């Protein structure tokens, strides 16, 4: 898989993870801070649409499982952060 593509997706993931570290600090779960974190997370998730569109174009149709192990941890972490963002915003799970 293209190294630049992988790096851009993983860089966005690291930025998301770093932003959410704030919830572990005192006052990290205050409503004003939650809104700020959720807004930043939504922006970062939106920025991932282009790299994922490129990834979709690179992976041949019906060959998802051939590349599954390369992206498994990244996908798991991104899905968790998406669900966590939703939960912080309104207390529901996706």
PDB file of N, CA and C in Angstrom:
ATOM      1  N   UNK A   1       0.851  -1.173   0.000  1.00  0.00           N
ATOM      2  CA  UNK A   1       0.000   0.000   0.000  1.00  0.00           C
ATOM      3  C   UNK A   1       0.895   1.234   0.000  1.00  0.00           C
ATOM      4  N   UNK A   2       0.407   2.279  -0.556  1.00  0.00           N
ATOM      5  CA  UNK A   2       1.195   3.506  -0.649  1.00  0.00           C
ATOM      6  C   UNK A   2       1.554   4.024   0.735  1.00  0.00           C
ATOM      7  N   UNK A   3       2.833   4.300   0.905  1.00  0.00           N
ATOM      8  CA  UNK A   3       3.323   4.759   2.201  1.00  0.00           C
ATOM      9  C   UNK A   3       2.770   6.129   2.551  1.00  0.00           C
ATOM     10  N   UNK A   4       2.712   7.041   1.596  1.00  0.00           N
ATOM     11  CA  UNK A   4       2.203   8.388   1.868  1.00  0.00           C
ATOM     12  C   UNK A   4       0.743   8.354   2.302  1.00  0.00           C
ATOM     13  N   UNK A   5      -0.037   7.501   1.679  1.00  0.00           N
ATOM     14  CA  UNK A   5      -1.445   7.365   2.037  1.00  0.00           C
ATOM     15  C   UNK A   5      -1.586   6.842   3.456  1.00  0.00           C
ATOM     16  N   UNK A   6      -0.823   5.810   3.768  1.00  0.00           N
ATOM     17  CA  UNK A   6      -0.880   5.243   5.117  1.00  0.00           C
ATOM     18  C   UNK A   6      -0.443   6.271   6.152  1.00  0.00           C
ATOM     19  N   UNK A   7       0.610   7.005   5.835  1.00  0.00           N
ATOM     20  CA  UNK A   7       1.090   8.023   6.778  1.00  0.00           C
ATOM     21  C   UNK A   7       0.065   9.114   7.023  1.00  0.00           C
ATOM     22  N   UNK A   8      -0.632   9.543   5.980  1.00  0.00           N
ATOM     23  CA  UNK A   8      -1.616  10.622   6.165  1.00  0.00           C
ATOM     24  C   UNK A   8      -2.781  10.159   7.039  1.00  0.00           C
ATOM     25  N   UNK A   9      -3.237   8.941   6.847  1.00  0.00           N
ATOM     26  CA  UNK A   9      -4.340   8.420   7.662  1.00  0.00           C
ATOM     27  C   UNK A   9      -3.882   8.215   9.100  1.00  0.00           C
ATOM     28  N   UNK A  10      -2.699   7.657   9.276  1.00  0.00           N
ATOM     29  CA  UNK A  10      -2.207   7.412  10.630  1.00  0.00           C
ATOM     30  C   UNK A  10      -1.859   8.715  11.352  1.00  0.00           C
ATOM     31  N   UNK A  11      -1.444   9.740  10.615  1.00  0.00           N
ATOM     32  CA  UNK A  11      -1.176  11.044  11.229  1.00  0.00           C
ATOM     33  C   UNK A  11      -2.475  11.657  11.753  1.00  0.00           C
ATOM     34  N   UNK A  12      -3.542  11.544  10.979  1.00  0.00           N
ATOM     35  CA  UNK A  12      -4.838  12.051  11.432  1.00  0.00           C
ATOM     36  C   UNK A  12      -5.320  11.273  12.657  1.00  0.00           C
ATOM     37  N   UNK A  13      -5.092   9.968  12.659  1.00  0.00           N
ATOM     38  CA  UNK A  13      -5.463   9.145  13.818  1.00  0.00           C
ATOM     39  C   UNK A  13      -4.697   9.601  15.051  1.00  0.00           C
ATOM     40  N   UNK A  14      -3.396   9.821  14.919  1.00  0.00           N
ATOM     41  CA  UNK A  14      -2.603  10.276  16.064  1.00  0.00           C
ATOM     42  C   UNK A  14      -3.075  11.632  16.571  1.00  0.00           C
ATOM     43  N   UNK A  15      -3.466  12.498  15.647  1.00  0.00           N
ATOM     44  CA  UNK A  15      -3.972  13.813  16.048  1.00  0.00           C
ATOM     45  C   UNK A  15      -5.283  13.671  16.814  1.00  0.00           C
ATOM     46  N   UNK A  16      -6.150  12.780  16.359  1.00  0.00           N
ATOM     47  CA  UNK A  16      -7.398  12.508  17.079  1.00  0.00           C
ATOM     48  C   UNK A  16      -7.118  11.956  18.472  1.00  0.00           C
ATOM     49  N   UNK A  17      -6.213  10.996  18.552  1.00  0.00           N
ATOM     50  CA  UNK A  17      -5.880  10.406  19.846  1.00  0.00           C
ATOM     51  C   UNK A  17      -5.306  11.451  20.796  1.00  0.00           C
ATOM     52  N   UNK A  18      -4.462  12.311  20.283  1.00  0.00           N
ATOM     53  CA  UNK A  18      -3.869  13.358  21.118  1.00  0.00           C
ATOM     54  C   UNK A  18      -4.938  14.322  21.621  1.00  0.00           C
ATOM     55  N   UNK A  19      -5.880  14.665  20.772  1.00  0.00           N
ATOM     56  CA  UNK A  19      -6.950  15.573  21.184  1.00  0.00           C
ATOM     57  C   UNK A  19      -7.785  14.957  22.306  1.00  0.00           C
ATOM     58  N   UNK A  20      -8.059  13.675  22.194  1.00  0.00           N
ATOM     59  CA  UNK A  20      -8.900  13.024  23.197  1.00  0.00           C
ATOM     60  C   UNK A  20      -8.179  12.701  24.497  1.00  0.00           C
ATOM     61  N   UNK A  21      -6.882  12.879  24.547  1.00  0.00           N
ATOM     62  CA  UNK A  21      -6.171  12.696  25.811  1.00  0.00           C
ATOM     63  C   UNK A  21      -6.646  13.687  26.861  1.00  0.00           C
ATOM     64  N   UNK A  22      -7.212  14.801  26.417  1.00  0.00           N
ATOM     65  CA  UNK A  22      -7.686  15.831  27.339  1.00  0.00           C
ATOM     66  C   UNK A  22      -8.775  15.329  28.275  1.00  0.00           C
ATOM     67  N   UNK A  23      -9.519  14.304  27.880  1.00  0.00           N
ATOM     68  CA  UNK A  23     -10.595  13.819  28.751  1.00  0.00           C
ATOM     69  C   UNK A  23     -10.045  13.181  30.027  1.00  0.00           C
ATOM     70  N   UNK A  24      -8.768  12.864  30.042  1.00  0.00           N
ATOM     71  CA  UNK A  24      -8.165  12.239  31.212  1.00  0.00           C
ATOM     72  C   UNK A  24      -7.705  13.258  32.251  1.00  0.00           C
ATOM     73  N   UNK A  25      -7.722  14.513  31.903  1.00  0.00           N
ATOM     74  CA  UNK A  25      -7.259  15.549  32.815  1.00  0.00           C
ATOM     75  C   UNK A  25      -8.429  16.165  33.562  1.00  0.00           C
ATOM     76  N   UNK A  26      -8.126  16.810  34.670  1.00  0.00           N
ATOM     77  CA  UNK A  26      -9.159  17.468  35.465  1.00  0.00           C
ATOM     78  C   UNK A  26      -9.901  18.476  34.596  1.00  0.00           C
ATOM     79  N   UNK A  27     -11.187  18.411  34.637  1.00  0.00           N
ATOM     80  CA  UNK A  27     -12.013  19.322  33.850  1.00  0.00           C
ATOM     81  C   UNK A  27     -12.144  18.900  32.396  1.00  0.00           C
ATOM     82  N   UNK A  28     -11.576  17.757  32.037  1.00  0.00           N
ATOM     83  CA  UNK A  28     -11.599  17.312  30.654  1.00  0.00           C
ATOM     84  C   UNK A  28     -12.972  16.926  30.151  1.00  0.00           C
ATOM     85  N   UNK A  29     -13.866  16.602  31.060  1.00  0.00           N
ATOM     86  CA  UNK A  29     -15.213  16.216  30.654  1.00  0.00           C
ATOM     87  C   UNK A  29     -16.253  17.300  30.935  1.00  0.00           C
ATOM     88  N   UNK A  30     -15.800  18.538  31.093  1.00  0.00           N
ATOM     89  CA  UNK A  30     -16.742  19.642  31.235  1.00  0.00           C
ATOM     90  C   UNK A  30     -17.440  19.869  29.900  1.00  0.00           C
ATOM     91  N   UNK A  31     -18.671  20.307  29.960  1.00  0.00           N
ATOM     92  CA  UNK A  31     -19.490  20.429  28.752  1.00  0.00           C
ATOM     93  C   UNK A  31     -18.843  21.315  27.691  1.00  0.00           C
ATOM     94  N   UNK A  32     -18.251  22.424  28.089  1.00  0.00           N
ATOM     95  CA  UNK A  32     -17.632  23.313  27.097  1.00  0.00           C
ATOM     96  C   UNK A  32     -16.437  22.638  26.432  1.00  0.00           C
ATOM     97  N   UNK A  33     -15.695  21.891  27.191  1.00  0.00           N
ATOM     98  CA  UNK A  33     -14.528  21.177  26.649  1.00  0.00           C
ATOM     99  C   UNK A  33     -14.980  20.029  25.744  1.00  0.00           C
ATOM    100  N   UNK A  34     -16.039  19.367  26.100  1.00  0.00           N
ATOM    101  CA  UNK A  34     -16.566  18.272  25.280  1.00  0.00           C
ATOM    102  C   UNK A  34     -16.989  18.799  23.910  1.00  0.00           C
ATOM    103  N   UNK A  35     -17.680  19.918  23.894  1.00  0.00           N
ATOM    104  CA  UNK A  35     -18.117  20.498  22.624  1.00  0.00           C
ATOM    105  C   UNK A  35     -16.923  20.846  21.750  1.00  0.00           C
ATOM    106  N   UNK A  36     -15.889  21.383  22.353  1.00  0.00           N
ATOM    107  CA  UNK A  36     -14.666  21.734  21.613  1.00  0.00           C
ATOM    108  C   UNK A  36     -13.986  20.479  21.054  1.00  0.00           C
ATOM    109  N   UNK A  37     -13.880  19.444  21.875  1.00  0.00           N
ATOM    110  CA  UNK A  37     -13.269  18.184  21.428  1.00  0.00           C
ATOM    111  C   UNK A  37     -14.076  17.543  20.311  1.00  0.00           C
ATOM    112  N   UNK A  38     -15.378  17.523  20.454  1.00  0.00           N
ATOM    113  CA  UNK A  38     -16.230  16.913  19.438  1.00  0.00           C
ATOM    114  C   UNK A  38     -16.132  17.672  18.121  1.00  0.00           C
ATOM    115  N   UNK A  39     -16.073  18.987  18.194  1.00  0.00           N
ATOM    116  CA  UNK A  39     -15.950  19.796  16.974  1.00  0.00           C
ATOM    117  C   UNK A  39     -14.626  19.482  16.276  1.00  0.00           C
ATOM    118  N   UNK A  40     -13.552  19.443  17.042  1.00  0.00           N
ATOM    119  CA  UNK A  40     -12.240  19.140  16.459  1.00  0.00           C
ATOM    120  C   UNK A  40     -12.227  17.734  15.854  1.00  0.00           C
ATOM    121  N   UNK A  41     -12.826  16.781  16.570  1.00  0.00           N
ATOM    122  CA  UNK A  41     -12.882  15.407  16.065  1.00  0.00           C
ATOM    123  C   UNK A  41     -13.654  15.346  14.757  1.00  0.00           C
ATOM    124  N   UNK A  42     -14.788  16.027  14.689  1.00  0.00           N
ATOM    125  CA  UNK A  42     -15.588  16.025  13.454  1.00  0.00           C
ATOM    126  C   UNK A  42     -14.789  16.602  12.291  1.00  0.00           C
ATOM    127  N   UNK A  43     -14.015  17.663  12.541  1.00  0.00           N
ATOM    128  CA  UNK A  43     -13.174  18.240  11.490  1.00  0.00           C
ATOM    129  C   UNK A  43     -12.128  17.240  11.013  1.00  0.00           C
ATOM    130  N   UNK A  44     -11.510  16.547  11.963  1.00  0.00           N
ATOM    131  CA  UNK A  44     -10.483  15.567  11.601  1.00  0.00           C
ATOM    132  C   UNK A  44     -11.086  14.390  10.848  1.00  0.00           C
ATOM    133  N   UNK A  45     -12.262  13.940  11.270  1.00  0.00           N
ATOM    134  CA  UNK A  45     -12.920  12.850  10.547  1.00  0.00           C
ATOM    135  C   UNK A  45     -13.275  13.289   9.128  1.00  0.00           C
ATOM    136  N   UNK A  46     -13.718  14.524   8.980  1.00  0.00           N
ATOM    137  CA  UNK A  46     -14.037  15.045   7.648  1.00  0.00           C
ATOM    138  C   UNK A  46     -12.788  15.095   6.780  1.00  0.00           C
ATOM    139  N   UNK A  47     -11.661  15.461   7.378  1.00  0.00           N
ATOM    140  CA  UNK A  47     -10.412  15.536   6.606  1.00  0.00           C
ATOM    141  C   UNK A  47      -9.953  14.158   6.134  1.00  0.00           C
ATOM    142  N   UNK A  48     -10.449  13.109   6.748  1.00  0.00           N
ATOM    143  CA  UNK A  48     -10.068  11.751   6.348  1.00  0.00           C
ATOM    144  C   UNK A  48     -10.825  11.248   5.127  1.00  0.00           C
ATOM    145  N   UNK A  49     -11.845  11.960   4.697  1.00  0.00           N
ATOM    146  CA  UNK A  49     -12.632  11.471   3.563  1.00  0.00           C
ATOM    147  C   UNK A  49     -11.787  11.379   2.291  1.00  0.00           C
ATOM    148  N   UNK A  50     -10.901  12.328   2.071  1.00  0.00           N
ATOM    149  CA  UNK A  50     -10.068  12.291   0.868  1.00  0.00           C
ATOM    150  C   UNK A  50      -9.076  11.119   0.885  1.00  0.00           C
ATOM    151  N   UNK A  51      -8.305  10.926   1.971  1.00  0.00           N
ATOM    152  CA  UNK A  51      -7.399   9.765   1.973  1.00  0.00           C
ATOM    153  C   UNK A  51      -8.140   8.432   1.860  1.00  0.00           C
ATOM    154  N   UNK A  52      -9.341   8.327   2.465  1.00  0.00           N
ATOM    155  CA  UNK A  52     -10.070   7.070   2.361  1.00  0.00           C
ATOM    156  C   UNK A  52     -10.638   6.857   0.962  1.00  0.00           C
ATOM    157  N   UNK A  53     -10.979   7.928   0.285  1.00  0.00           N
ATOM    158  CA  UNK A  53     -11.407   7.798  -1.112  1.00  0.00           C
ATOM    159  C   UNK A  53     -10.241   7.315  -1.968  1.00  0.00           C
ATOM    160  N   UNK A  54      -9.059   7.832  -1.682  1.00  0.00           N
ATOM    161  CA  UNK A  54      -7.859   7.382  -2.400  1.00  0.00           C
ATOM    162  C   UNK A  54      -7.570   5.914  -2.084  1.00  0.00           C
ATOM    163  N   UNK A  55      -7.734   5.525  -0.831  1.00  0.00           N
ATOM    164  CA  UNK A  55      -7.523   4.129  -0.445  1.00  0.00           C
ATOM    165  C   UNK A  55      -8.508   3.222  -1.171  1.00  0.00           C
ATOM    166  N   UNK A  56      -9.743   3.650  -1.270  1.00  0.00           N
ATOM    167  CA  UNK A  56     -10.753   2.865  -1.976  1.00  0.00           C
ATOM    168  C   UNK A  56     -10.368   2.675  -3.444  1.00  0.00           C
ATOM    169  N   UNK A  57      -9.762   3.700  -4.030  1.00  0.00           N
ATOM    170  CA  UNK A  57      -9.352   3.612  -5.430  1.00  0.00           C
ATOM    171  C   UNK A  57      -8.143   2.692  -5.613  1.00  0.00           C
ATOM    172  N   UNK A  58      -7.309   2.595  -4.595  1.00  0.00           N
ATOM    173  CA  UNK A  58      -6.089   1.797  -4.693  1.00  0.00           C
ATOM    174  C   UNK A  58      -6.353   0.306  -4.487  1.00  0.00           C
ATOM    175  N   UNK A  59      -7.244  -0.018  -3.553  1.00  0.00           N
ATOM    176  CA  UNK A  59      -7.517  -1.429  -3.243  1.00  0.00           C
ATOM    177  C   UNK A  59      -8.444  -1.991  -4.328  1.00  0.00           C
ATOM    178  N   UNK A  60      -8.004  -3.037  -4.993  1.00  0.00           N
ATOM    179  CA  UNK A  60      -8.848  -3.632  -6.038  1.00  0.00           C
ATOM    180  C   UNK A  60     -10.169  -4.156  -5.462  1.00  0.00           C
ATOM    181  N   UNK A  61     -11.204  -4.080  -6.273  1.00  0.00           N
ATOM    182  CA  UNK A  61     -12.525  -4.551  -5.847  1.00  0.00           C
ATOM    183  C   UNK A  61     -12.467  -6.027  -5.467  1.00  0.00           C
ATOM    184  N   UNK A  62     -13.130  -6.383  -4.397  1.00  0.00           N
ATOM    185  CA  UNK A  62     -13.202  -7.753  -3.881  1.00  0.00           C
ATOM    186  C   UNK A  62     -11.871  -8.257  -3.324  1.00  0.00           C
ATOM    187  N   UNK A  63     -10.929  -7.367  -3.028  1.00  0.00           N
ATOM    188  CA  UNK A  63      -9.658  -7.790  -2.434  1.00  0.00           C
ATOM    189  C   UNK A  63      -9.428  -7.133  -1.076  1.00  0.00           C
ATOM    190  N   UNK A  64     -10.513  -6.789  -0.414  1.00  0.00           N
ATOM    191  CA  UNK A  64     -10.421  -6.158   0.904  1.00  0.00           C
ATOM    192  C   UNK A  64      -9.592  -7.004   1.869  1.00  0.00           C
ATOM    193  N   UNK A  65      -9.860  -8.293   1.921  1.00  0.00           N
ATOM    194  CA  UNK A  65      -9.204  -9.149   2.916  1.00  0.00           C
ATOM    195  C   UNK A  65      -7.708  -9.317   2.659  1.00  0.00           C
ATOM    196  N   UNK A  66      -7.293  -9.076   1.460  1.00  0.00           N
ATOM    197  CA  UNK A  66      -5.857  -9.140   1.154  1.00  0.00           C
ATOM    198  C   UNK A  66      -5.095  -8.041   1.904  1.00  0.00           C
ATOM    199  N   UNK A  67      -5.762  -6.910   2.136  1.00  0.00           N
ATOM    200  CA  UNK A  67      -5.126  -5.764   2.793  1.00  0.00           C
ATOM    201  C   UNK A  67      -5.658  -5.515   4.194  1.00  0.00           C
ATOM    202  N   UNK A  68      -6.535  -6.357   4.666  1.00  0.00           N
ATOM    203  CA  UNK A  68      -7.198  -6.157   5.942  1.00  0.00           C
ATOM    204  C   UNK A  68      -6.220  -5.982   7.102  1.00  0.00           C
ATOM    205  N   UNK A  69      -5.208  -6.815   7.187  1.00  0.00           N
ATOM    206  CA  UNK A  69      -4.287  -6.749   8.320  1.00  0.00           C
ATOM    207  C   UNK A  69      -3.484  -5.457   8.368  1.00  0.00           C
ATOM    208  N   UNK A  70      -3.262  -4.843   7.233  1.00  0.00           N
ATOM    209  CA  UNK A  70      -2.503  -3.596   7.206  1.00  0.00           C
ATOM    210  C   UNK A  70      -3.264  -2.482   7.922  1.00  0.00           C
ATOM    211  N   UNK A  71      -4.586  -2.484   7.775  1.00  0.00           N
ATOM    212  CA  UNK A  71      -5.397  -1.377   8.259  1.00  0.00           C
ATOM    213  C   UNK A  71      -6.237  -1.712   9.483  1.00  0.00           C
ATOM    214  N   UNK A  72      -6.226  -2.942   9.948  1.00  0.00           N
ATOM    215  CA  UNK A  72      -7.142  -3.369  11.016  1.00  0.00           C
ATOM    216  C   UNK A  72      -7.063  -2.491  12.262  1.00  0.00           C
ATOM    217  N   UNK A  73      -5.883  -2.290  12.819  1.00  0.00           N
ATOM    218  CA  UNK A  73      -5.764  -1.500  14.049  1.00  0.00           C
ATOM    219  C   UNK A  73      -6.167  -0.049  13.832  1.00  0.00           C
ATOM    220  N   UNK A  74      -5.770   0.495  12.700  1.00  0.00           N
ATOM    221  CA  UNK A  74      -6.132   1.880  12.395  1.00  0.00           C
ATOM    222  C   UNK A  74      -7.644   2.030  12.329  1.00  0.00           C
ATOM    223  N   UNK A  75      -8.315   1.109  11.628  1.00  0.00           N
ATOM    224  CA  UNK A  75      -9.781   1.149  11.516  1.00  0.00           C
ATOM    225  C   UNK A  75     -10.432   1.001  12.878  1.00  0.00           C
ATOM    226  N   UNK A  76      -9.946   0.064  13.684  1.00  0.00           N
ATOM    227  CA  UNK A  76     -10.541  -0.150  15.001  1.00  0.00           C
ATOM    228  C   UNK A  76     -10.453   1.112  15.846  1.00  0.00           C
ATOM    229  N   UNK A  77      -9.299   1.754  15.822  1.00  0.00           N
ATOM    230  CA  UNK A  77      -9.124   2.957  16.622  1.00  0.00           C
ATOM    231  C   UNK A  77      -9.985   4.106  16.105  1.00  0.00           C
ATOM    232  N   UNK A  78     -10.082   4.247  14.788  1.00  0.00           N
ATOM    233  CA  UNK A  78     -10.918   5.303  14.219  1.00  0.00           C
ATOM    234  C   UNK A  78     -12.397   5.082  14.536  1.00  0.00           C
ATOM    235  N   UNK A  79     -12.847   3.843  14.450  1.00  0.00           N
ATOM    236  CA  UNK A  79     -14.248   3.550  14.777  1.00  0.00           C
ATOM    237  C   UNK A  79     -14.512   3.824  16.249  1.00  0.00           C
ATOM    238  N   UNK A  80     -13.601   3.416  17.116  1.00  0.00           N
ATOM    239  CA  UNK A  80     -13.773   3.705  18.536  1.00  0.00           C
ATOM    240  C   UNK A  80     -13.874   5.203  18.778  1.00  0.00           C
ATOM    241  N   UNK A  81     -12.995   5.985  18.160  1.00  0.00           N
ATOM    242  CA  UNK A  81     -13.015   7.427  18.372  1.00  0.00           C
ATOM    243  C   UNK A  81     -14.284   8.066  17.801  1.00  0.00           C
ATOM    244  N   UNK A  82     -14.799   7.527  16.710  1.00  0.00           N
ATOM    245  CA  UNK A  82     -16.064   8.032  16.161  1.00  0.00           C
ATOM    246  C   UNK A  82     -17.212   7.759  17.135  1.00  0.00           C
ATOM    247  N   UNK A  83     -17.259   6.554  17.674  1.00  0.00           N
ATOM    248  CA  UNK A  83     -18.302   6.195  18.641  1.00  0.00           C
ATOM    249  C   UNK A  83     -18.140   7.019  19.912  1.00  0.00           C
ATOM    250  N   UNK A  84     -16.925   7.201  20.359  1.00  0.00           N
ATOM    251  CA  UNK A  84     -16.650   7.990  21.562  1.00  0.00           C
ATOM    252  C   UNK A  84     -17.080   9.441  21.357  1.00  0.00           C
ATOM    253  N   UNK A  85     -16.824   9.983  20.174  1.00  0.00           N
ATOM    254  CA  UNK A  85     -17.249  11.347  19.861  1.00  0.00           C
ATOM    255  C   UNK A  85     -18.764  11.463  19.969  1.00  0.00           C
ATOM    256  N   UNK A  86     -19.465  10.522  19.371  1.00  0.00           N
ATOM    257  CA  UNK A  86     -20.930  10.531  19.426  1.00  0.00           C
ATOM    258  C   UNK A  86     -21.418  10.434  20.868  1.00  0.00           C
ATOM    259  N   UNK A  87     -20.792   9.564  21.638  1.00  0.00           N
ATOM    260  CA  UNK A  87     -21.203   9.384  23.031  1.00  0.00           C
ATOM    261  C   UNK A  87     -20.958  10.657  23.849  1.00  0.00           C
ATOM    262  N   UNK A  88     -19.835  11.316  23.615  1.00  0.00           N
ATOM    263  CA  UNK A  88     -19.562  12.563  24.326  1.00  0.00           C
ATOM    264  C   UNK A  88     -20.577  13.645  23.977  1.00  0.00           C
ATOM    265  N   UNK A  89     -20.995  13.675  22.726  1.00  0.00           N
ATOM    266  CA  UNK A  89     -21.921  14.712  22.295  1.00  0.00           C
ATOM    267  C   UNK A  89     -23.324  14.539  22.852  1.00  0.00           C
ATOM    268  N   UNK A  90     -23.855  13.323  22.784  1.00  0.00           N
ATOM    269  CA  UNK A  90     -25.255  13.175  23.198  1.00  0.00           C
ATOM    270  C   UNK A  90     -25.548  11.929  24.034  1.00  0.00           C
ATOM    271  N   UNK A  91     -24.527  11.204  24.423  1.00  0.00           N
ATOM    272  CA  UNK A  91     -24.739  10.058  25.298  1.00  0.00           C
ATOM    273  C   UNK A  91     -25.291   8.821  24.641  1.00  0.00           C
ATOM    274  N   UNK A  92     -25.321   8.801  23.299  1.00  0.00           N
ATOM    275  CA  UNK A  92     -25.795   7.611  22.593  1.00  0.00           C
ATOM    276  C   UNK A  92     -24.640   6.923  21.891  1.00  0.00           C
ATOM    277  N   UNK A  93     -24.820   5.650  21.647  1.00  0.00           N
ATOM    278  CA  UNK A  93     -23.824   4.887  20.911  1.00  0.00           C
ATOM    279  C   UNK A  93     -24.320   4.658  19.484  1.00  0.00           C
ATOM    280  N   UNK A  94     -23.409   4.616  18.564  1.00  0.00           N
ATOM    281  CA  UNK A  94     -23.772   4.388  17.161  1.00  0.00           C
ATOM    282  C   UNK A  94     -24.201   2.964  16.941  1.00  0.00           C
TER     283      UNK A  94
END
